[in-house]
N, C-alpha and C. Protein backbone atom coordinates (compact mmCIF):
# COMPACT_ATOMS: atom_id res chain seq x y z
N MET A 1 0.85 -1.16 0.00
CA MET A 1 0.00 0.00 0.00
C MET A 1 0.90 1.24 0.00
N GLU A 2 0.59 2.15 -0.86
CA GLU A 2 1.35 3.40 -0.94
C GLU A 2 1.06 4.28 0.28
N ALA A 3 2.01 5.11 0.63
CA ALA A 3 1.86 5.99 1.78
C ALA A 3 0.65 6.92 1.61
N SER A 4 0.44 7.42 0.41
CA SER A 4 -0.69 8.33 0.18
C SER A 4 -2.03 7.62 0.35
N GLU A 5 -2.09 6.35 -0.04
CA GLU A 5 -3.31 5.57 0.12
C GLU A 5 -3.60 5.34 1.61
N TYR A 6 -2.54 4.99 2.36
CA TYR A 6 -2.73 4.78 3.80
C TYR A 6 -3.15 6.08 4.48
N ARG A 7 -2.54 7.19 4.07
CA ARG A 7 -2.90 8.48 4.66
C ARG A 7 -4.39 8.79 4.42
N SER A 8 -4.85 8.51 3.24
CA SER A 8 -6.26 8.73 2.91
C SER A 8 -7.16 7.85 3.77
N ARG A 9 -6.80 6.57 3.91
CA ARG A 9 -7.57 5.66 4.77
C ARG A 9 -7.54 6.13 6.22
N PHE A 10 -6.38 6.61 6.67
CA PHE A 10 -6.24 7.11 8.03
C PHE A 10 -7.15 8.30 8.26
N GLU A 11 -7.15 9.24 7.34
CA GLU A 11 -8.00 10.43 7.46
C GLU A 11 -9.48 10.05 7.44
N ASP A 12 -9.86 9.10 6.59
CA ASP A 12 -11.26 8.69 6.50
C ASP A 12 -11.74 7.96 7.75
N SER A 13 -10.85 7.26 8.43
CA SER A 13 -11.26 6.47 9.59
C SER A 13 -11.01 7.18 10.93
N TYR A 14 -10.39 8.36 10.90
CA TYR A 14 -10.07 9.09 12.12
C TYR A 14 -11.31 9.24 12.97
N PRO A 15 -11.28 9.01 14.26
CA PRO A 15 -10.15 8.91 15.17
C PRO A 15 -9.66 7.48 15.37
N PHE A 16 -10.10 6.56 14.53
CA PHE A 16 -9.68 5.17 14.66
C PHE A 16 -8.62 4.85 13.61
N LEU A 17 -7.78 3.88 13.91
CA LEU A 17 -6.83 3.41 12.92
C LEU A 17 -7.57 2.61 11.85
N PRO A 18 -7.12 2.68 10.61
CA PRO A 18 -7.80 1.93 9.55
C PRO A 18 -7.91 0.43 9.85
N GLU A 19 -6.91 -0.12 10.51
CA GLU A 19 -6.94 -1.54 10.84
C GLU A 19 -8.07 -1.86 11.83
N VAL A 20 -8.34 -0.96 12.75
CA VAL A 20 -9.44 -1.16 13.71
C VAL A 20 -10.77 -1.16 12.97
N VAL A 21 -10.93 -0.23 12.05
CA VAL A 21 -12.16 -0.17 11.26
C VAL A 21 -12.34 -1.46 10.46
N ASP A 22 -11.25 -1.96 9.89
CA ASP A 22 -11.32 -3.22 9.13
C ASP A 22 -11.79 -4.37 10.01
N VAL A 23 -11.24 -4.47 11.21
CA VAL A 23 -11.63 -5.55 12.12
C VAL A 23 -13.11 -5.42 12.48
N LEU A 24 -13.54 -4.23 12.83
CA LEU A 24 -14.94 -4.03 13.18
C LEU A 24 -15.85 -4.36 12.01
N TYR A 25 -15.47 -3.91 10.85
CA TYR A 25 -16.29 -4.12 9.66
C TYR A 25 -16.40 -5.60 9.30
N HIS A 26 -15.26 -6.29 9.30
CA HIS A 26 -15.27 -7.68 8.86
C HIS A 26 -15.74 -8.67 9.92
N ARG A 27 -15.34 -8.48 11.15
CA ARG A 27 -15.73 -9.43 12.20
C ARG A 27 -17.13 -9.16 12.72
N TRP A 28 -17.40 -7.94 13.13
CA TRP A 28 -18.71 -7.63 13.70
C TRP A 28 -19.79 -7.57 12.64
N GLY A 29 -19.42 -7.11 11.47
CA GLY A 29 -20.41 -6.99 10.40
C GLY A 29 -20.94 -8.32 9.92
N SER A 30 -20.22 -9.40 10.20
CA SER A 30 -20.66 -10.72 9.75
C SER A 30 -21.70 -11.34 10.68
N TYR A 31 -21.89 -10.77 11.88
CA TYR A 31 -22.90 -11.30 12.80
C TYR A 31 -24.28 -10.83 12.39
N SER A 32 -25.20 -11.76 12.26
CA SER A 32 -26.55 -11.40 11.82
C SER A 32 -27.28 -10.54 12.84
N THR A 33 -26.88 -10.61 14.12
CA THR A 33 -27.55 -9.83 15.15
C THR A 33 -26.85 -8.49 15.42
N PHE A 34 -25.79 -8.23 14.67
CA PHE A 34 -25.05 -6.98 14.85
C PHE A 34 -25.91 -5.80 14.46
N GLN A 35 -25.98 -4.80 15.33
CA GLN A 35 -26.75 -3.60 15.03
C GLN A 35 -25.96 -2.75 14.05
N ARG A 36 -26.53 -2.43 12.97
CA ARG A 36 -25.85 -1.68 11.91
C ARG A 36 -25.85 -0.19 12.24
N THR A 37 -24.92 0.21 13.12
CA THR A 37 -24.87 1.60 13.57
C THR A 37 -23.77 2.39 12.88
N ARG A 38 -23.02 1.79 11.97
CA ARG A 38 -21.94 2.51 11.30
C ARG A 38 -22.48 3.71 10.53
N GLY A 39 -23.65 3.58 9.94
CA GLY A 39 -24.23 4.69 9.19
C GLY A 39 -24.53 5.88 10.08
N ALA A 40 -25.01 5.63 11.29
CA ALA A 40 -25.29 6.72 12.23
C ALA A 40 -24.00 7.41 12.64
N THR A 41 -22.95 6.64 12.83
CA THR A 41 -21.65 7.20 13.18
C THR A 41 -21.13 8.07 12.05
N ALA A 42 -21.27 7.61 10.83
CA ALA A 42 -20.78 8.36 9.68
C ALA A 42 -21.52 9.69 9.53
N ASP A 43 -22.82 9.70 9.83
CA ASP A 43 -23.60 10.92 9.69
C ASP A 43 -23.18 11.98 10.69
N GLU A 44 -22.70 11.57 11.86
CA GLU A 44 -22.31 12.52 12.89
C GLU A 44 -20.86 12.94 12.78
N SER A 45 -20.07 12.21 12.04
CA SER A 45 -18.65 12.50 11.90
C SER A 45 -18.44 13.63 10.89
N PRO A 46 -17.55 14.59 11.19
CA PRO A 46 -17.34 15.69 10.25
C PRO A 46 -16.83 15.22 8.89
N ARG A 47 -15.97 14.21 8.85
CA ARG A 47 -15.45 13.72 7.58
C ARG A 47 -16.20 12.47 7.11
N GLY A 48 -16.97 11.88 7.99
CA GLY A 48 -17.67 10.65 7.65
C GLY A 48 -16.76 9.45 7.83
N LEU A 49 -17.28 8.42 8.40
CA LEU A 49 -16.52 7.18 8.58
C LEU A 49 -16.80 6.30 7.39
N VAL A 50 -15.90 6.29 6.45
CA VAL A 50 -16.12 5.60 5.19
C VAL A 50 -15.18 4.42 5.09
N HIS A 51 -15.74 3.31 4.71
CA HIS A 51 -14.90 2.13 4.49
C HIS A 51 -15.19 1.59 3.13
C-alpha cells in the first residue's frame, strides 16, 4: 500500500486506525444480530466514517 493511500484511509477512519475499522467491519459486520450503527456514526462525523 502506498503511503498516500494509507494516509487517505487514516483520514477517513479518524479517530480510529484503519486496521481497527477493518476488524470491526469484517468481524462484527458478519454477525446477523449486529446492530448496523456505522451509518449513524458516519452521519455525525465531520469527515464521515467511510470504508
